[in-house]
Protein backbone atom coordinates (compact mmCIF):
# COMPACT_ATOMS: atom_id res chain seq x y z
CA MET A 1 88.80 87.54 115.32
CA ARG A 2 85.59 87.81 113.39
CA ALA A 3 83.74 84.76 112.08
CA GLN A 4 83.58 84.28 108.32
CA GLN A 5 81.71 87.20 106.84
CA LEU A 6 81.19 89.28 103.75
CA ALA A 7 79.90 92.28 105.71
CA THR A 8 77.92 92.85 108.90
CA GLU A 9 74.42 93.94 107.87
CA PHE A 10 71.37 91.79 107.14
CA ASP A 11 67.80 92.57 106.17
CA GLU A 12 65.35 90.30 107.97
CA ARG A 13 66.97 87.09 106.78
CA ARG A 14 65.15 87.09 103.47
CA ILE A 15 66.37 85.27 100.37
CA GLY A 16 64.78 86.50 97.14
CA THR A 17 61.05 86.88 97.59
CA ALA A 18 60.78 83.93 100.00
CA THR A 19 61.85 83.68 103.61
CA TRP A 20 64.81 81.39 104.29
CA PRO A 21 64.25 80.77 108.00
CA ILE A 22 66.73 79.26 110.39
CA GLY A 23 66.34 75.49 110.06
CA GLU A 24 65.48 75.52 106.33
CA ARG A 25 66.94 72.47 104.62
CA LEU A 26 68.89 72.63 101.38
CA HIS A 27 69.75 69.07 100.39
CA ALA A 28 71.89 67.80 103.31
CA TRP A 29 72.40 71.27 104.77
CA HIS A 30 70.31 73.02 107.41
CA VAL A 31 70.55 76.82 107.54
CA VAL A 32 71.81 77.90 110.96
CA ALA A 33 72.55 81.65 110.84
CA PRO A 34 73.45 84.51 108.48
CA LEU A 35 77.18 85.09 108.13
CA GLY A 36 77.40 88.29 106.15
CA ARG A 37 76.68 90.32 103.08
CA GLY A 38 78.91 91.93 100.48
CA GLY A 39 78.27 94.07 97.44
CA THR A 40 76.83 91.28 95.30
CA ALA A 41 76.45 88.19 97.50
CA GLU A 42 75.51 87.00 100.95
CA ALA A 43 76.57 84.00 103.02
CA TRP A 44 74.80 81.73 105.51
CA LEU A 45 76.14 79.21 107.96
CA ALA A 46 74.73 75.73 107.40
CA ARG A 47 75.17 72.40 109.17
CA ALA A 48 74.77 68.81 107.99
CA PRO A 49 73.23 66.05 110.17
CA ASP A 50 76.71 64.61 110.80
CA GLY A 51 77.89 67.95 112.25
CA ARG A 52 79.82 69.23 109.24
CA GLU A 53 79.54 72.98 108.68
CA ALA A 54 79.60 75.00 105.47
CA ALA A 55 79.11 78.55 104.26
CA LEU A 56 76.34 78.89 101.67
CA LYS A 57 76.99 81.74 99.25
CA LEU A 58 74.41 83.13 96.82
CA ALA A 59 73.59 86.41 95.11
CA ARG A 60 71.93 89.19 97.08
CA PRO A 61 68.11 89.19 96.82
CA GLU A 62 67.90 92.30 94.68
CA LEU A 63 70.34 90.79 92.18
CA ARG A 64 68.73 87.36 92.04
CA ALA A 65 66.67 88.18 88.93
CA HIS A 66 69.79 88.98 86.91
CA PRO A 67 71.21 85.94 85.07
CA ALA A 68 74.71 87.35 85.49
CA ALA A 69 74.45 87.11 89.28
CA ASN A 70 73.83 83.37 89.27
CA ALA A 71 76.38 82.92 86.51
CA ALA A 72 78.99 84.56 88.74
CA ILE A 73 78.25 82.10 91.54
CA ARG A 74 78.55 79.17 89.15
CA ARG A 75 81.79 80.52 87.72
CA GLU A 76 83.29 80.90 91.19
CA HIS A 77 82.48 77.24 91.87
CA GLU A 78 84.22 76.22 88.65
CA VAL A 79 87.29 78.30 89.49
CA LEU A 80 87.54 76.89 93.00
CA ARG A 81 87.23 73.31 91.81
CA ARG A 82 89.87 73.99 89.18
CA VAL A 83 92.35 75.47 91.65
CA ALA A 84 91.78 73.00 94.53
CA SER A 85 94.53 74.32 96.83
CA PRO A 86 94.90 74.03 100.63
CA HIS A 87 95.56 77.78 100.56
CA VAL A 88 92.24 78.63 98.89
CA VAL A 89 88.76 78.05 100.32
CA ALA A 90 87.28 74.78 99.05
CA SER A 91 84.00 74.48 97.17
CA TYR A 92 82.08 71.37 98.23
CA ASP A 93 79.12 71.62 95.89
CA LEU A 94 76.93 73.82 93.72
CA LEU A 95 73.21 73.61 94.52
CA GLU A 96 70.04 75.44 93.54
CA TRP A 97 67.36 76.94 95.75
CA ALA A 98 64.26 78.67 94.35
CA GLY A 99 66.07 79.24 91.07
CA ALA A 100 69.19 80.66 92.68
CA ALA A 101 72.67 79.15 92.41
CA VAL A 102 74.06 78.34 95.87
CA LEU A 103 77.76 77.74 96.41
CA VAL A 104 78.57 75.35 99.28
CA LEU A 105 81.91 76.51 100.66
CA GLN A 106 84.32 75.34 103.32
CA TYR A 107 83.44 77.18 106.55
CA LEU A 108 86.36 79.21 107.93
CA PRO A 109 85.32 80.12 111.47
CA HIS A 110 88.32 81.94 112.92
CA GLY A 111 88.16 85.38 111.36
CA ASP A 112 90.33 87.31 108.92
CA LEU A 113 93.64 89.14 108.73
CA VAL A 114 92.18 92.55 109.57
CA SER A 115 92.43 91.96 113.31
CA LEU A 116 96.17 91.22 113.02
CA ALA A 117 97.09 94.44 111.20
CA GLY A 118 99.80 96.21 113.16
CA ALA A 119 100.71 93.16 115.23
CA PRO A 120 104.29 91.79 115.28
CA PRO A 121 105.17 89.95 112.05
CA ARG A 122 105.42 86.59 113.78
CA SER A 123 101.67 86.89 114.48
CA TRP A 124 100.68 87.02 110.80
CA LEU A 125 103.65 86.08 108.61
CA ARG A 126 102.52 82.46 108.21
CA ALA A 127 99.06 83.62 107.17
CA TYR A 128 100.53 86.09 104.69
CA ALA A 129 102.66 83.29 103.26
CA GLY A 130 99.48 81.23 102.89
CA ALA A 131 97.89 84.03 100.86
CA VAL A 132 100.94 84.16 98.59
CA ALA A 133 100.80 80.37 98.18
CA GLY A 134 97.09 80.63 97.30
CA LEU A 135 97.88 83.19 94.61
CA ARG A 136 100.59 80.94 93.21
CA ALA A 137 98.06 78.11 92.98
CA LEU A 138 95.78 80.42 91.01
CA GLU A 139 98.68 81.53 88.82
CA ARG A 140 99.40 77.92 87.87
CA GLN A 141 95.87 77.84 86.45
CA GLY A 142 96.43 81.05 84.52
CA LEU A 143 94.38 83.16 86.92
CA ALA A 144 94.76 86.22 89.13
CA HIS A 145 92.59 86.67 92.23
CA GLY A 146 91.61 90.27 91.52
CA ASP A 147 90.59 91.23 95.07
CA VAL A 148 93.46 90.56 97.46
CA LYS A 149 92.88 92.25 100.82
CA ALA A 150 92.91 91.44 104.52
CA ARG A 151 89.19 90.63 104.62
CA ASN A 152 89.66 88.01 101.93
CA VAL A 153 92.17 85.96 103.92
CA LEU A 154 90.32 83.84 106.50
CA PHE A 155 91.43 81.27 109.06
CA GLY A 156 90.04 77.75 109.07
CA ALA A 157 89.39 75.48 112.02
CA ASP A 158 92.93 74.13 111.58
CA GLY A 159 94.39 77.63 112.00
CA ASN A 160 95.59 77.83 108.39
CA ALA A 161 94.84 80.90 106.28
CA ARG A 162 92.98 80.60 102.98
CA LEU A 163 92.03 83.03 100.25
CA ILE A 164 88.30 83.52 99.74
CA ASP A 165 86.02 85.35 97.27
CA LEU A 166 87.18 84.43 93.79
CA SER A 167 84.31 86.31 92.17
CA HIS A 168 86.86 88.74 90.69
CA ALA A 169 89.24 86.06 89.38
CA ARG A 170 90.41 86.73 85.84
CA ALA A 171 93.11 85.83 83.33
CA LEU A 172 96.62 86.90 84.31
CA ASP A 173 96.95 89.25 81.35
CA ALA A 174 93.51 90.85 81.76
CA PRO A 175 93.40 94.48 82.95
CA ALA A 176 93.95 94.83 86.70
CA ALA A 177 90.90 95.59 88.84
CA ALA A 178 90.06 95.73 92.52
CA SER A 179 86.89 96.03 94.58
CA THR A 180 88.28 99.02 96.50
CA ALA A 181 90.39 101.98 95.40
CA ALA A 182 92.80 101.33 98.28
CA HIS A 183 93.97 98.09 96.66
CA ALA A 184 94.20 99.20 93.01
CA PRO A 185 97.35 100.33 91.18
CA ARG A 186 97.47 103.80 89.69
CA PRO A 187 95.35 103.94 86.51
CA GLY A 188 98.34 105.26 84.56
CA ALA A 189 100.30 102.12 85.39
CA HIS A 190 98.17 100.09 82.94
CA ALA A 191 98.77 97.05 85.15
CA ARG A 192 97.72 93.53 84.20
CA ALA A 193 95.70 91.42 86.62
CA ALA A 194 98.82 89.52 87.73
CA GLU A 195 100.51 92.83 88.53
CA GLY A 196 97.37 94.04 90.28
CA ASP A 197 97.62 91.05 92.63
CA CYS A 198 101.24 91.93 93.37
CA PHE A 199 100.32 95.55 94.09
CA ALA A 200 97.52 94.39 96.40
CA LEU A 201 99.99 92.06 98.17
CA GLY A 202 102.15 95.12 98.74
CA VAL A 203 99.18 97.00 100.18
CA LEU A 204 98.36 94.03 102.43
CA LEU A 205 101.96 93.70 103.62
CA TYR A 206 102.16 97.41 104.38
CA GLU A 207 98.86 97.26 106.26
CA LEU A 208 99.94 94.25 108.32
CA VAL A 209 103.23 95.90 109.31
CA THR A 210 101.88 99.38 110.10
CA GLY A 211 98.20 98.83 110.91
CA ARG A 212 97.07 101.27 108.21
CA LEU A 213 96.63 101.45 104.46
CA PRO A 214 99.58 102.98 102.57
CA TYR A 215 97.52 105.54 100.66
CA GLY A 216 94.37 105.68 102.77
CA PRO A 217 90.94 104.49 101.59
CA GLU A 218 91.11 106.60 98.40
CA GLY A 219 94.09 104.63 97.14
CA ALA A 220 97.20 105.44 95.12
CA ALA A 221 95.28 107.16 92.32
CA ALA A 222 94.00 109.91 94.61
CA ALA A 223 96.76 110.14 97.19
CA GLY A 224 99.42 111.70 94.99
CA ALA A 225 102.10 110.82 97.53
CA GLU A 226 104.58 108.12 98.35
CA PRO A 227 103.79 105.66 101.15
CA GLN A 228 105.48 106.65 104.38
CA VAL A 229 108.47 104.64 105.61
CA ALA A 230 109.23 105.36 109.25
CA PRO A 231 112.05 103.66 111.19
CA LEU A 232 110.80 100.63 113.12
CA GLU A 233 112.30 99.03 116.20
CA ASP A 234 111.66 95.51 114.93
CA PRO A 235 114.21 94.67 112.18
CA GLU A 236 111.87 92.03 110.70
CA ALA A 237 109.04 94.54 110.45
CA GLU A 238 111.37 97.13 108.92
CA ARG A 239 112.54 94.65 106.26
CA LEU A 240 108.96 93.69 105.43
CA LEU A 241 107.88 97.32 105.23
CA ALA A 242 110.71 98.11 102.81
CA ALA A 243 109.61 95.17 100.64
CA ALA A 244 106.02 96.40 100.66
CA VAL A 245 107.04 99.91 99.63
CA THR A 246 109.13 98.52 96.76
CA ALA A 247 106.07 96.69 95.43
CA LEU A 248 103.88 99.76 95.81
CA ARG A 249 106.29 102.12 94.07
CA ALA A 250 106.51 99.66 91.17
CA ASP A 251 102.69 99.39 90.95
CA GLY A 252 103.23 95.65 91.27
CA ARG A 253 105.10 95.45 87.95
CA GLY A 254 108.30 93.51 87.32
CA LEU A 255 108.13 91.58 90.58
CA GLY A 256 106.01 88.45 90.40
CA LEU A 257 104.78 86.35 93.30
CA SER A 258 108.26 84.90 93.78
CA TYR A 259 109.33 88.33 95.05
CA PHE A 260 107.00 88.04 98.03
CA ALA A 261 107.87 84.39 98.63
CA ASP A 262 111.56 85.34 98.75
CA VAL A 263 110.85 88.21 101.16
CA ILE A 264 109.01 85.83 103.49
CA GLU A 265 111.84 83.29 103.41
CA SER A 266 114.44 85.97 104.11
CA VAL A 267 112.59 86.96 107.27
CA ARG A 268 112.01 83.38 108.36
CA ALA A 269 115.66 82.45 107.89
C-alpha cells in the first residue's frame, strides 16, 4: 500500500518562494521528505527529536498568496479538533512558516483503500466500517465530509483506517459537492451534503466490491446508465454490492449513515 499522500508529483521541493530543504526545522519538527501534492495543498513528512512522526500540510506554493488558501488550512485544523475521533486523522497543532499556515497531522504510513479495491470483503470491511464511523463522528458535529473516496481513507501505524482531508467539510444541509465527478450525485438530485456523503459511500462500496467505479470517471451525471450488478460467487460480496447499488440509485437520499452501518453488521453477523 502507498504511504500517506495527496498525489505523486513534486516540483523541486520548494515551498512558496523559499526552499524548504530536507532537515529544515519547524518548531519541534524536522522536515524529512515530501509526501504528496493535491489540487490545493501539499504534505511533508516530519519527525520530532523523540522519534514522533507527523504529516505537515500547507497550501501549494502558487496558492500561498491567497488569504483563502491559508484560511482553509486553519479551518481544517478547527474542524479536526472539533471532531476528535479515532476514525478521523488527528490534528496535533497549527503552526506558521514564512507566513503560511501549516497543519501538523497524525502520520498514517500504511497507505489507502485504493489498493484493496476488488479484494475479498474481509480484506477491507473493517476499514470501510471505520470510514462510516468517521462520518458519523462528523455528523454528530453537524458536518458532512464532502470528499469521501478510497484515497481519503488511510491506515495508521496501528492498522486502523481513518478519514483524511476535511478541506471540503460543510454543514449537513449545505449543497452536496465532491472533488471528482465520479463521487458526486446527479445534479438533478439536488442532494444535500449529508446525502452526498451517502452517495459517495455507495460509490466506495461498489468500488471495493468490484474493483471499478460504478459510473466510470465521468460519474453518474454523464454516464446515463445504471450501475452494473453481475452475479458474484461470494455471497458477502453480492450482498454488499446490492447495498451499494441501492444507495447509488437513490442518489444517497433517504438512507442515512445508519443504512451502511446496518449493512456492515449484517455481513459481519
